[in-house]
N, C-alpha and C. Protein backbone atom coordinates (compact mmCIF):
# COMPACT_ATOMS: atom_id res chain seq x y z
N MET A 1 0.76 -1.22 0.11
CA MET A 1 -0.05 -0.04 -0.02
C MET A 1 0.80 1.38 0.12
N ARG A 2 1.86 1.21 0.71
CA ARG A 2 2.93 2.39 0.72
C ARG A 2 3.30 2.92 -0.51
N PRO A 3 3.83 2.12 -1.51
CA PRO A 3 4.00 2.46 -2.78
C PRO A 3 3.11 3.18 -3.63
N PHE A 4 1.89 2.77 -3.25
CA PHE A 4 0.64 3.22 -3.89
C PHE A 4 0.46 4.69 -3.28
N ILE A 5 0.56 4.81 -1.97
CA ILE A 5 0.37 6.15 -1.42
C ILE A 5 1.43 7.04 -2.13
N GLN A 6 2.84 6.74 -2.07
CA GLN A 6 3.96 7.44 -2.58
C GLN A 6 3.50 7.89 -3.93
N ALA A 7 3.15 6.86 -4.81
CA ALA A 7 2.82 7.29 -6.13
C ALA A 7 1.84 8.36 -6.44
N ALA A 8 0.72 8.05 -5.63
CA ALA A 8 -0.47 8.97 -5.53
C ALA A 8 -0.10 10.37 -5.15
N THR A 9 0.89 10.58 -4.12
CA THR A 9 1.18 11.81 -3.66
C THR A 9 2.10 12.49 -4.61
N PHE A 10 2.91 11.70 -5.45
CA PHE A 10 3.66 12.37 -6.41
C PHE A 10 3.01 12.87 -7.55
N LEU A 11 1.85 12.08 -8.02
CA LEU A 11 1.05 12.45 -8.98
C LEU A 11 0.14 13.74 -8.46
N PHE A 12 -0.14 13.68 -7.26
CA PHE A 12 -0.92 14.89 -6.68
C PHE A 12 -0.04 16.15 -6.82
N ALA A 13 1.31 16.13 -6.70
CA ALA A 13 2.15 17.18 -6.58
C ALA A 13 2.28 17.55 -7.94
N VAL A 14 2.48 16.58 -9.06
CA VAL A 14 2.71 17.09 -10.28
C VAL A 14 1.39 17.62 -11.01
N PHE A 15 0.09 17.15 -10.66
CA PHE A 15 -0.91 17.61 -11.46
C PHE A 15 -1.53 18.87 -10.86
N VAL A 16 -1.32 19.04 -9.51
CA VAL A 16 -1.90 20.30 -8.87
C VAL A 16 -1.14 21.58 -9.15
N LEU A 17 -1.87 22.53 -9.35
CA LEU A 17 -1.26 23.88 -9.58
C LEU A 17 -0.69 24.36 -8.32
N ILE A 18 0.69 24.69 -8.32
CA ILE A 18 1.24 25.36 -7.09
C ILE A 18 0.97 26.72 -7.14
N SER A 19 0.52 27.39 -6.19
CA SER A 19 0.15 28.79 -6.17
C SER A 19 1.34 29.55 -6.20
N PRO A 20 1.17 30.68 -7.10
CA PRO A 20 2.48 31.70 -7.15
C PRO A 20 2.44 32.45 -5.78
N ALA A 21 3.33 33.27 -5.50
CA ALA A 21 3.55 34.12 -4.32
C ALA A 21 2.54 35.11 -4.49
N HIS A 22 1.34 35.00 -4.19
CA HIS A 22 0.25 36.01 -4.10
C HIS A 22 -0.61 35.51 -2.96
N ALA A 23 -1.41 36.31 -2.39
CA ALA A 23 -2.36 35.96 -1.27
C ALA A 23 -3.45 35.18 -1.94
N VAL A 24 -3.91 34.17 -1.34
CA VAL A 24 -5.05 33.35 -1.60
C VAL A 24 -6.34 33.89 -0.87
N ASP A 25 -7.36 33.47 -1.38
CA ASP A 25 -8.64 33.75 -0.96
C ASP A 25 -8.54 33.19 0.65
N PRO A 26 -9.28 33.94 1.66
CA PRO A 26 -9.17 33.51 2.93
C PRO A 26 -9.81 32.19 3.28
N VAL A 27 -10.73 31.88 2.35
CA VAL A 27 -11.53 30.59 2.42
C VAL A 27 -11.60 29.93 0.95
N PHE A 28 -11.05 28.65 0.98
CA PHE A 28 -11.39 28.01 -0.35
C PHE A 28 -12.58 27.96 -0.49
N HIS A 29 -13.31 28.15 -1.86
CA HIS A 29 -14.61 28.01 -2.27
C HIS A 29 -14.63 27.74 -3.58
N VAL A 30 -15.97 26.90 -3.94
CA VAL A 30 -16.28 26.57 -5.24
C VAL A 30 -17.48 27.36 -5.49
N ASP A 31 -17.62 28.07 -6.52
CA ASP A 31 -18.74 28.95 -6.80
C ASP A 31 -19.30 29.56 -5.45
N GLY A 32 -18.39 30.15 -4.83
CA GLY A 32 -18.61 30.98 -3.59
C GLY A 32 -18.79 30.14 -2.34
N LYS A 33 -19.11 28.67 -2.47
CA LYS A 33 -19.44 28.01 -1.30
C LYS A 33 -18.19 27.27 -0.63
N ALA A 34 -18.08 27.56 0.43
CA ALA A 34 -17.14 27.10 1.43
C ALA A 34 -17.53 25.43 1.67
N ILE A 35 -16.29 24.68 1.57
CA ILE A 35 -16.37 23.24 1.73
C ILE A 35 -17.22 22.68 0.63
N ARG A 36 -17.32 23.36 -0.42
CA ARG A 36 -18.14 22.71 -1.63
C ARG A 36 -19.72 22.67 -1.24
N GLY A 37 -20.10 23.54 -0.26
CA GLY A 37 -21.52 23.35 0.19
C GLY A 37 -21.77 22.34 1.35
N TYR A 38 -20.70 21.85 1.85
CA TYR A 38 -20.88 20.88 2.78
C TYR A 38 -20.97 21.61 4.34
N ASP A 39 -21.67 20.94 5.20
CA ASP A 39 -21.93 21.47 6.56
C ASP A 39 -20.81 21.44 7.54
N PRO A 40 -20.00 22.60 7.87
CA PRO A 40 -18.73 22.41 8.71
C PRO A 40 -19.18 21.83 10.11
N VAL A 41 -20.36 22.02 10.60
CA VAL A 41 -20.72 21.72 12.04
C VAL A 41 -21.00 20.24 12.04
N ALA A 42 -21.49 19.74 11.06
CA ALA A 42 -21.80 18.19 10.90
C ALA A 42 -20.63 17.30 11.20
N TYR A 43 -19.37 17.81 10.62
CA TYR A 43 -18.21 17.11 10.82
C TYR A 43 -18.05 16.62 12.47
N PHE A 44 -18.41 17.73 13.26
CA PHE A 44 -18.31 17.45 14.67
C PHE A 44 -19.42 16.93 15.46
N THR A 45 -20.66 17.26 14.92
CA THR A 45 -21.87 16.76 15.67
C THR A 45 -22.36 15.36 15.04
N GLN A 46 -22.11 15.10 13.81
CA GLN A 46 -22.58 13.83 13.19
C GLN A 46 -21.38 12.90 12.82
N GLU A 47 -20.15 13.45 12.82
CA GLU A 47 -18.94 12.72 12.62
C GLU A 47 -18.85 12.36 11.11
N LYS A 48 -19.47 13.09 10.15
CA LYS A 48 -19.46 12.67 8.88
C LYS A 48 -19.60 13.90 7.84
N ALA A 49 -19.37 13.90 6.56
CA ALA A 49 -19.54 14.93 5.71
C ALA A 49 -21.21 14.81 5.36
N VAL A 50 -21.70 16.14 5.53
CA VAL A 50 -23.15 16.14 5.35
C VAL A 50 -23.33 17.38 4.40
N GLU A 51 -23.91 17.20 3.40
CA GLU A 51 -24.15 18.53 2.51
C GLU A 51 -25.08 19.46 3.14
N GLY A 52 -24.72 20.68 3.03
CA GLY A 52 -25.73 21.74 3.41
C GLY A 52 -26.60 22.10 2.43
N VAL A 53 -27.70 22.96 2.83
CA VAL A 53 -28.65 23.47 1.88
C VAL A 53 -28.68 25.08 1.74
N PRO A 54 -29.08 25.68 0.56
CA PRO A 54 -28.95 27.10 0.44
C PRO A 54 -29.89 27.80 1.47
N ALA A 55 -30.96 27.03 1.81
CA ALA A 55 -31.93 27.69 2.91
C ALA A 55 -31.23 27.88 4.23
N HIS A 56 -30.18 27.17 4.51
CA HIS A 56 -29.48 27.27 5.93
C HIS A 56 -27.92 27.96 5.44
N SER A 57 -27.82 29.05 5.13
CA SER A 57 -26.62 29.49 4.84
C SER A 57 -26.38 30.85 5.44
N ILE A 58 -25.10 31.18 5.62
CA ILE A 58 -24.65 32.46 5.91
C ILE A 58 -23.22 32.89 5.23
N GLU A 59 -22.94 34.09 5.26
CA GLU A 59 -21.84 34.71 4.76
C GLU A 59 -20.85 34.83 5.72
N TYR A 60 -19.63 34.37 5.56
CA TYR A 60 -18.44 34.43 6.65
C TYR A 60 -17.11 34.48 5.88
N ASN A 61 -16.37 35.47 6.19
CA ASN A 61 -15.06 35.44 5.69
C ASN A 61 -14.89 35.30 4.12
N GLY A 62 -15.61 36.01 3.33
CA GLY A 62 -15.74 36.10 2.08
C GLY A 62 -16.27 34.71 1.12
N ALA A 63 -16.97 33.83 2.00
CA ALA A 63 -17.70 32.75 1.22
C ALA A 63 -19.04 32.54 1.86
N THR A 64 -19.74 31.70 1.22
CA THR A 64 -20.94 31.24 1.65
C THR A 64 -20.95 29.80 2.42
N TRP A 65 -21.42 29.82 3.60
CA TRP A 65 -21.31 28.49 4.35
C TRP A 65 -22.84 27.91 4.48
N GLN A 66 -22.82 26.64 3.96
CA GLN A 66 -24.18 26.08 4.20
C GLN A 66 -24.24 25.05 5.04
N PHE A 67 -25.46 24.93 5.63
CA PHE A 67 -25.60 24.00 6.65
C PHE A 67 -26.98 23.06 6.48
N ALA A 68 -26.85 21.82 7.08
CA ALA A 68 -27.93 20.79 6.84
C ALA A 68 -29.15 21.41 7.75
N SER A 69 -28.87 22.32 8.91
CA SER A 69 -30.06 22.53 9.67
C SER A 69 -29.90 23.88 10.19
N ALA A 70 -30.89 24.64 10.47
CA ALA A 70 -31.07 25.97 11.10
C ALA A 70 -30.12 25.98 12.48
N GLU A 71 -30.19 24.91 13.16
CA GLU A 71 -29.32 24.73 14.47
C GLU A 71 -27.87 24.69 14.24
N ASN A 72 -27.34 24.07 13.25
CA ASN A 72 -25.99 23.94 12.66
C ASN A 72 -25.55 25.37 12.46
N ARG A 73 -26.49 26.11 11.62
CA ARG A 73 -26.05 27.52 11.35
C ARG A 73 -26.05 28.38 12.57
N LYS A 74 -26.82 28.15 13.34
CA LYS A 74 -26.76 29.01 14.61
C LYS A 74 -25.42 28.53 15.48
N LEU A 75 -25.12 27.28 15.53
CA LEU A 75 -23.94 26.99 16.19
C LEU A 75 -22.69 27.66 15.51
N PHE A 76 -22.58 27.64 14.29
CA PHE A 76 -21.42 28.12 13.48
C PHE A 76 -21.50 29.68 13.71
N ALA A 77 -22.55 30.46 13.58
CA ALA A 77 -22.60 31.81 13.72
C ALA A 77 -22.18 32.23 15.10
N ALA A 78 -22.40 31.47 15.99
CA ALA A 78 -22.11 31.87 17.48
C ALA A 78 -20.47 31.78 17.60
N ASN A 79 -19.88 30.80 16.81
CA ASN A 79 -18.50 30.58 17.00
C ASN A 79 -17.79 29.89 15.78
N PRO A 80 -17.51 30.81 14.70
CA PRO A 80 -17.15 30.19 13.55
C PRO A 80 -15.78 29.66 13.55
N GLU A 81 -14.94 30.20 14.30
CA GLU A 81 -13.49 29.68 14.49
C GLU A 81 -13.50 28.30 15.00
N LYS A 82 -14.46 27.90 15.91
CA LYS A 82 -14.49 26.51 16.29
C LYS A 82 -14.98 25.53 15.26
N TYR A 83 -15.57 26.03 14.15
CA TYR A 83 -16.18 24.97 13.20
C TYR A 83 -15.49 25.08 11.86
N ALA A 84 -14.98 26.29 11.61
CA ALA A 84 -14.23 26.46 10.10
C ALA A 84 -13.06 25.63 10.12
N PRO A 85 -12.75 25.00 8.91
CA PRO A 85 -11.74 24.03 8.83
C PRO A 85 -10.48 24.94 8.79
N ALA A 86 -9.37 24.27 9.28
CA ALA A 86 -8.05 24.75 9.34
C ALA A 86 -7.63 25.24 7.98
N TYR A 87 -6.73 26.41 8.01
CA TYR A 87 -6.13 26.75 6.62
C TYR A 87 -7.15 27.25 5.44
N GLY A 88 -8.16 27.83 6.06
CA GLY A 88 -9.28 28.39 5.21
C GLY A 88 -9.95 27.29 4.36
N GLY A 89 -9.79 26.07 4.85
CA GLY A 89 -10.40 24.89 4.10
C GLY A 89 -9.63 24.48 2.90
N TYR A 90 -8.37 24.98 2.74
CA TYR A 90 -7.48 24.22 1.65
C TYR A 90 -7.22 23.06 2.18
N CYS A 91 -6.55 22.36 1.35
CA CYS A 91 -5.90 20.83 1.50
C CYS A 91 -4.81 21.07 2.70
N ALA A 92 -5.08 20.48 3.66
CA ALA A 92 -3.98 20.52 4.84
C ALA A 92 -2.62 19.98 4.40
N PHE A 93 -2.68 18.97 3.55
CA PHE A 93 -1.34 18.33 3.17
C PHE A 93 -0.76 19.49 2.19
N ALA A 94 -1.24 19.92 1.38
CA ALA A 94 -0.69 20.97 0.40
C ALA A 94 -0.21 22.12 1.20
N VAL A 95 -0.86 22.77 2.15
CA VAL A 95 -0.32 23.71 3.11
C VAL A 95 0.69 23.24 3.88
N ALA A 96 0.97 22.06 4.16
CA ALA A 96 1.92 21.58 4.91
C ALA A 96 3.21 21.59 4.05
N ASN A 97 2.97 21.55 2.69
CA ASN A 97 4.16 21.67 1.86
C ASN A 97 4.28 22.73 0.95
N ASN A 98 3.60 23.89 1.67
CA ASN A 98 3.77 25.31 1.19
C ASN A 98 3.10 25.58 -0.16
N TYR A 99 1.95 24.98 -0.40
CA TYR A 99 1.14 25.55 -1.62
C TYR A 99 -0.40 25.24 -1.13
N THR A 100 -1.30 25.62 -2.02
CA THR A 100 -2.66 25.41 -1.84
C THR A 100 -3.25 24.35 -2.92
N ALA A 101 -4.24 23.74 -2.32
CA ALA A 101 -4.96 22.85 -3.29
C ALA A 101 -6.46 22.73 -2.96
N SER A 102 -7.30 22.18 -4.00
CA SER A 102 -8.69 22.06 -3.76
C SER A 102 -8.83 20.83 -2.52
N ILE A 103 -10.07 20.56 -2.33
CA ILE A 103 -10.40 19.52 -1.28
C ILE A 103 -11.51 18.63 -1.77
N ASP A 104 -11.72 17.57 -1.19
CA ASP A 104 -12.88 16.67 -1.27
C ASP A 104 -13.44 16.67 0.11
N PRO A 105 -14.78 17.06 0.12
CA PRO A 105 -15.40 17.25 1.47
C PRO A 105 -15.29 15.80 2.24
N ASP A 106 -15.17 14.65 1.68
CA ASP A 106 -15.18 13.37 2.29
C ASP A 106 -13.85 13.00 2.79
N ALA A 107 -12.82 13.65 2.32
CA ALA A 107 -11.32 13.44 2.88
C ALA A 107 -11.15 14.44 3.94
N TRP A 108 -11.57 13.92 5.17
CA TRP A 108 -11.57 14.99 6.25
C TRP A 108 -10.97 14.23 7.57
N THR A 109 -10.40 15.00 8.42
CA THR A 109 -10.09 14.42 9.86
C THR A 109 -10.31 15.55 10.84
N SER A 110 -10.72 15.16 12.01
CA SER A 110 -10.76 16.12 13.02
C SER A 110 -9.66 15.62 14.24
N ARG A 111 -9.04 16.77 14.52
CA ARG A 111 -7.96 16.38 15.55
C ARG A 111 -7.79 17.51 16.57
N ASP A 112 -7.91 17.17 17.84
CA ASP A 112 -7.97 18.27 18.84
C ASP A 112 -9.01 19.54 18.70
N GLY A 113 -10.16 19.06 18.12
CA GLY A 113 -11.31 20.00 18.03
C GLY A 113 -11.02 20.93 16.77
N LYS A 114 -10.22 20.58 15.98
CA LYS A 114 -10.00 21.28 14.61
C LYS A 114 -10.39 20.49 13.30
N LEU A 115 -10.94 21.07 12.37
CA LEU A 115 -11.08 20.18 11.08
C LEU A 115 -10.22 20.34 10.08
N TYR A 116 -9.53 19.38 9.56
CA TYR A 116 -8.71 19.35 8.57
C TYR A 116 -9.17 18.79 7.18
N LEU A 117 -9.24 19.35 6.06
CA LEU A 117 -9.55 18.73 4.76
C LEU A 117 -8.43 18.59 3.79
N ASN A 118 -8.60 17.64 3.03
CA ASN A 118 -7.64 17.22 2.13
C ASN A 118 -8.24 16.91 0.62
N TYR A 119 -7.17 17.03 -0.20
CA TYR A 119 -7.35 16.81 -1.68
C TYR A 119 -8.14 15.64 -1.94
N SER A 120 -7.79 14.68 -1.25
CA SER A 120 -8.53 13.26 -1.63
C SER A 120 -8.35 12.33 -0.54
N LYS A 121 -9.02 11.36 -0.53
CA LYS A 121 -8.63 10.08 0.65
C LYS A 121 -7.27 9.66 0.47
N ILE A 122 -6.73 9.53 -0.69
CA ILE A 122 -5.21 9.12 -0.75
C ILE A 122 -4.30 10.01 -0.36
N VAL A 123 -4.57 11.30 -0.28
CA VAL A 123 -3.78 12.33 0.17
C VAL A 123 -3.97 12.40 1.75
N ARG A 124 -5.10 12.29 2.07
CA ARG A 124 -5.32 12.31 3.44
C ARG A 124 -4.62 11.09 4.13
N ALA A 125 -4.52 9.96 3.57
CA ALA A 125 -3.69 8.87 4.07
C ALA A 125 -2.13 9.24 4.26
N ARG A 126 -1.87 9.85 3.17
CA ARG A 126 -0.39 10.41 3.12
C ARG A 126 -0.25 11.38 4.35
N TRP A 127 -0.95 12.51 4.54
CA TRP A 127 -1.18 13.48 5.50
C TRP A 127 -1.17 12.79 6.91
N ALA A 128 -1.95 11.73 6.96
CA ALA A 128 -2.08 10.97 8.22
C ALA A 128 -0.76 10.28 8.75
N LEU A 129 0.16 9.90 7.76
CA LEU A 129 1.33 9.26 8.23
C LEU A 129 2.26 10.15 9.29
N ASP A 130 1.90 11.43 9.34
CA ASP A 130 2.58 12.32 10.20
C ASP A 130 1.80 13.55 10.47
N LYS A 131 0.72 13.28 11.11
CA LYS A 131 -0.51 14.33 11.41
C LYS A 131 0.30 15.57 12.05
N SER A 132 1.05 15.23 13.19
CA SER A 132 1.62 16.23 14.11
C SER A 132 2.58 17.12 13.20
N GLY A 133 3.46 16.48 12.56
CA GLY A 133 4.41 17.07 11.78
C GLY A 133 3.89 17.90 10.60
N ASN A 134 2.80 17.35 9.93
CA ASN A 134 2.16 18.24 8.88
C ASN A 134 1.17 19.28 9.34
N ILE A 135 0.75 19.19 10.69
CA ILE A 135 0.17 20.27 11.29
C ILE A 135 1.08 21.49 11.66
N THR A 136 2.14 20.87 12.09
CA THR A 136 3.25 22.13 12.52
C THR A 136 3.61 22.67 11.36
N ALA A 137 3.88 21.96 10.19
CA ALA A 137 4.53 22.67 8.99
C ALA A 137 3.33 23.55 8.43
N ALA A 138 2.17 23.07 8.32
CA ALA A 138 1.12 23.90 7.89
C ALA A 138 0.83 25.15 8.69
N ASP A 139 0.78 25.10 9.81
CA ASP A 139 0.76 26.25 10.86
C ASP A 139 1.80 27.22 10.42
N GLN A 140 3.06 26.64 10.29
CA GLN A 140 4.08 27.73 9.82
C GLN A 140 3.95 28.25 8.45
N ASN A 141 3.29 27.44 7.36
CA ASN A 141 3.25 27.89 6.05
C ASN A 141 2.06 28.62 5.81
N TRP A 142 0.94 28.56 6.52
CA TRP A 142 -0.40 29.18 6.47
C TRP A 142 -0.18 30.69 6.33
N PRO A 143 0.46 31.20 7.28
CA PRO A 143 0.41 32.84 7.29
C PRO A 143 1.06 33.35 6.01
N GLY A 144 2.06 32.87 5.47
CA GLY A 144 2.70 33.14 4.13
C GLY A 144 1.81 32.98 3.03
N LEU A 145 1.19 31.86 2.98
CA LEU A 145 0.32 31.46 1.85
C LEU A 145 -0.93 32.53 1.93
N ARG A 146 -1.48 32.64 2.94
CA ARG A 146 -2.60 33.64 3.26
C ARG A 146 -2.26 35.09 2.81
N ASP A 147 -1.13 35.42 3.32
CA ASP A 147 -0.70 36.99 2.97
C ASP A 147 0.10 37.01 1.59
N GLY A 148 0.38 36.03 1.07
CA GLY A 148 1.27 36.15 -0.24
C GLY A 148 2.72 36.38 0.04
N SER A 149 3.16 36.23 1.06
CA SER A 149 4.61 36.43 1.35
C SER A 149 5.43 35.26 1.24
């Protein structure tokens, strides 16, 4: 399995566009929707990826966040930092390696009360081989990626 993960990681790096030295949007979004329209609160309350609905949405940090219920929207609105994914919702493995990439809402991990998203489940497996090291690296890289420095 390890050679497969290494090959997938290599292909990921080859095919993903590496961000030039300019600031990225504070939140990764597709068509304006954070987490591709998935409910960030559900990762914590239901421990799975759940699609949100437009009827339960709010604007936060330059993106539209959708929720599966009015209660989840209320929880997020009261404390968005608690539920919003790390690194603006960009792939945590990419940020650990000093670039940004898209995410798959089903490729997620929560650790120490924080939500981490990855490009794919294969990339999540690679990221998980050294969660602590990848989080430390991403924490160091994120300010520069966010600000474009």
